[in-house]
């Protein structure tokens, strides 16, 4: 069993309130969840209106599949025009760990 985690630190453009931020984060989280069948949530920067930390987790029998899914999630978020991907951190835990 392999477990992968991805942290995506994003910056939103012209966002003036937490309500506006939620209106951007919710559809993003829903799309990542739907397209890749992963667990995903806003996991940080909850009190900042222009930043968000999106956490993604996936479990699979093959490490390469976990890497492919996390790559796809990162690409999907990076391609969104309403935000800038500041950083992406990933962890992979396998049976050897």
C-alpha atoms as a PDB file:
ATOM      1  CA  UNK A   1       0.000   0.000   0.000  1.00  0.00           C
ATOM      2  CA  UNK A   2       1.228   3.487  -0.896  1.00  0.00           C
ATOM      3  CA  UNK A   3      -0.077   6.732   0.569  1.00  0.00           C
ATOM      4  CA  UNK A   4       0.559  10.052  -1.127  1.00  0.00           C
ATOM      5  CA  UNK A   5      -0.037  13.549   0.207  1.00  0.00           C
ATOM      6  CA  UNK A   6       0.167  16.830  -1.673  1.00  0.00           C
ATOM      7  CA  UNK A   7       0.103  20.348  -0.195  1.00  0.00           C
ATOM      8  CA  UNK A   8      -0.674  23.132  -2.632  1.00  0.00           C
ATOM      9  CA  UNK A   9      -0.107  26.708  -1.465  1.00  0.00           C
ATOM     10  CA  UNK A  10      -2.133  29.019  -3.701  1.00  0.00           C
ATOM     11  CA  UNK A  11      -2.570  32.770  -4.008  1.00  0.00           C
ATOM     12  CA  UNK A  12      -5.815  34.231  -5.348  1.00  0.00           C
ATOM     13  CA  UNK A  13      -5.919  37.396  -7.414  1.00  0.00           C
ATOM     14  CA  UNK A  14      -8.480  40.087  -6.671  1.00  0.00           C
ATOM     15  CA  UNK A  15     -10.187  38.609  -3.596  1.00  0.00           C
ATOM     16  CA  UNK A  16     -11.436  41.038  -0.957  1.00  0.00           C
ATOM     17  CA  UNK A  17     -13.128  38.757   1.585  1.00  0.00           C
ATOM     18  CA  UNK A  18     -13.217  35.259   3.012  1.00  0.00           C
ATOM     19  CA  UNK A  19     -16.618  34.830   1.369  1.00  0.00           C
ATOM     20  CA  UNK A  20     -15.096  35.486  -2.069  1.00  0.00           C
ATOM     21  CA  UNK A  21     -12.263  33.100  -1.239  1.00  0.00           C
ATOM     22  CA  UNK A  22     -14.741  30.335  -0.329  1.00  0.00           C
ATOM     23  CA  UNK A  23     -16.540  30.878  -3.639  1.00  0.00           C
ATOM     24  CA  UNK A  24     -13.258  30.013  -5.399  1.00  0.00           C
ATOM     25  CA  UNK A  25     -11.979  27.269  -3.089  1.00  0.00           C
ATOM     26  CA  UNK A  26     -15.155  25.169  -2.932  1.00  0.00           C
ATOM     27  CA  UNK A  27     -15.460  24.565  -6.700  1.00  0.00           C
ATOM     28  CA  UNK A  28     -11.716  23.899  -6.944  1.00  0.00           C
ATOM     29  CA  UNK A  29     -11.837  21.296  -4.168  1.00  0.00           C
ATOM     30  CA  UNK A  30     -14.943  19.700  -5.698  1.00  0.00           C
ATOM     31  CA  UNK A  31     -13.353  19.474  -9.155  1.00  0.00           C
ATOM     32  CA  UNK A  32     -10.130  17.885  -7.875  1.00  0.00           C
ATOM     33  CA  UNK A  33     -12.164  15.380  -5.829  1.00  0.00           C
ATOM     34  CA  UNK A  34     -14.432  14.518  -8.773  1.00  0.00           C
ATOM     35  CA  UNK A  35     -11.753  14.217 -11.462  1.00  0.00           C
ATOM     36  CA  UNK A  36      -9.193  12.237  -9.493  1.00  0.00           C
ATOM     37  CA  UNK A  37     -11.264  10.461  -6.810  1.00  0.00           C
ATOM     38  CA  UNK A  38      -8.987  11.670  -4.010  1.00  0.00           C
ATOM     39  CA  UNK A  39      -9.511  13.165  -0.583  1.00  0.00           C
ATOM     40  CA  UNK A  40      -9.056  16.916  -0.759  1.00  0.00           C
ATOM     41  CA  UNK A  41      -9.733  19.843   1.563  1.00  0.00           C
ATOM     42  CA  UNK A  42      -8.715  23.378   2.391  1.00  0.00           C
ATOM     43  CA  UNK A  43      -6.173  22.669   5.107  1.00  0.00           C
ATOM     44  CA  UNK A  44      -4.463  25.928   5.916  1.00  0.00           C
ATOM     45  CA  UNK A  45      -4.395  29.733   5.683  1.00  0.00           C
ATOM     46  CA  UNK A  46      -8.040  29.663   6.729  1.00  0.00           C
ATOM     47  CA  UNK A  47      -7.993  33.227   8.061  1.00  0.00           C
ATOM     48  CA  UNK A  48      -6.270  34.783   5.024  1.00  0.00           C
ATOM     49  CA  UNK A  49      -8.517  35.942   2.207  1.00  0.00           C
ATOM     50  CA  UNK A  50      -5.976  35.690  -0.641  1.00  0.00           C
ATOM     51  CA  UNK A  51      -4.161  32.473   0.324  1.00  0.00           C
ATOM     52  CA  UNK A  52      -5.219  28.857   0.675  1.00  0.00           C
ATOM     53  CA  UNK A  53      -3.461  25.613   1.465  1.00  0.00           C
ATOM     54  CA  UNK A  54      -5.131  22.747  -0.367  1.00  0.00           C
ATOM     55  CA  UNK A  55      -4.377  19.243   0.908  1.00  0.00           C
ATOM     56  CA  UNK A  56      -4.762  16.162  -1.293  1.00  0.00           C
ATOM     57  CA  UNK A  57      -4.396  12.531  -0.210  1.00  0.00           C
ATOM     58  CA  UNK A  58      -4.504   9.306  -2.217  1.00  0.00           C
ATOM     59  CA  UNK A  59      -4.030   5.613  -1.395  1.00  0.00           C
ATOM     60  CA  UNK A  60      -3.203   2.950  -3.991  1.00  0.00           C
ATOM     61  CA  UNK A  61      -1.468  -0.375  -4.420  1.00  0.00           C
ATOM     62  CA  UNK A  62       1.147   1.081  -6.799  1.00  0.00           C
ATOM     63  CA  UNK A  63       3.505   3.964  -6.023  1.00  0.00           C
ATOM     64  CA  UNK A  64       3.668   5.043  -9.651  1.00  0.00           C
ATOM     65  CA  UNK A  65      -0.124   5.411  -9.744  1.00  0.00           C
ATOM     66  CA  UNK A  66      -0.013   7.592  -6.616  1.00  0.00           C
ATOM     67  CA  UNK A  67       2.631   9.830  -8.247  1.00  0.00           C
ATOM     68  CA  UNK A  68       0.587  10.088 -11.469  1.00  0.00           C
ATOM     69  CA  UNK A  69      -2.570  11.078  -9.588  1.00  0.00           C
ATOM     70  CA  UNK A  70      -0.747  13.714  -7.528  1.00  0.00           C
ATOM     71  CA  UNK A  71       0.896  15.084 -10.697  1.00  0.00           C
ATOM     72  CA  UNK A  72      -2.537  15.405 -12.296  1.00  0.00           C
ATOM     73  CA  UNK A  73      -3.948  17.197  -9.262  1.00  0.00           C
ATOM     74  CA  UNK A  74      -1.040  19.636  -9.246  1.00  0.00           C
ATOM     75  CA  UNK A  75      -1.405  20.338 -12.976  1.00  0.00           C
ATOM     76  CA  UNK A  76      -5.148  20.926 -12.648  1.00  0.00           C
ATOM     77  CA  UNK A  77      -4.681  23.481  -9.867  1.00  0.00           C
ATOM     78  CA  UNK A  78      -1.729  25.181 -11.605  1.00  0.00           C
ATOM     79  CA  UNK A  79      -3.788  25.696 -14.776  1.00  0.00           C
ATOM     80  CA  UNK A  80      -6.571  27.611 -13.007  1.00  0.00           C
ATOM     81  CA  UNK A  81      -6.482  31.237 -14.220  1.00  0.00           C
ATOM     82  CA  UNK A  82      -7.910  32.722 -11.000  1.00  0.00           C
ATOM     83  CA  UNK A  83      -4.970  31.648  -8.853  1.00  0.00           C
ATOM     84  CA  UNK A  84      -1.211  31.349  -8.728  1.00  0.00           C
ATOM     85  CA  UNK A  85       0.374  28.155  -7.434  1.00  0.00           C
ATOM     86  CA  UNK A  86       3.079  29.319  -5.030  1.00  0.00           C
ATOM     87  CA  UNK A  87       4.409  25.930  -3.984  1.00  0.00           C
ATOM     88  CA  UNK A  88       3.668  22.224  -4.025  1.00  0.00           C
ATOM     89  CA  UNK A  89       4.995  19.752  -1.479  1.00  0.00           C
ATOM     90  CA  UNK A  90       4.450  16.035  -1.683  1.00  0.00           C
ATOM     91  CA  UNK A  91       5.093  12.988   0.444  1.00  0.00           C
ATOM     92  CA  UNK A  92       4.930   9.346  -0.504  1.00  0.00           C
ATOM     93  CA  UNK A  93       4.854   6.573   2.079  1.00  0.00           C
ATOM     94  CA  UNK A  94       5.255   2.967   0.949  1.00  0.00           C
ATOM     95  CA  UNK A  95       5.698  -0.461   2.469  1.00  0.00           C
ATOM     96  CA  UNK A  96       9.461   0.090   2.859  1.00  0.00           C
ATOM     97  CA  UNK A  97       8.923   3.133   5.124  1.00  0.00           C
END
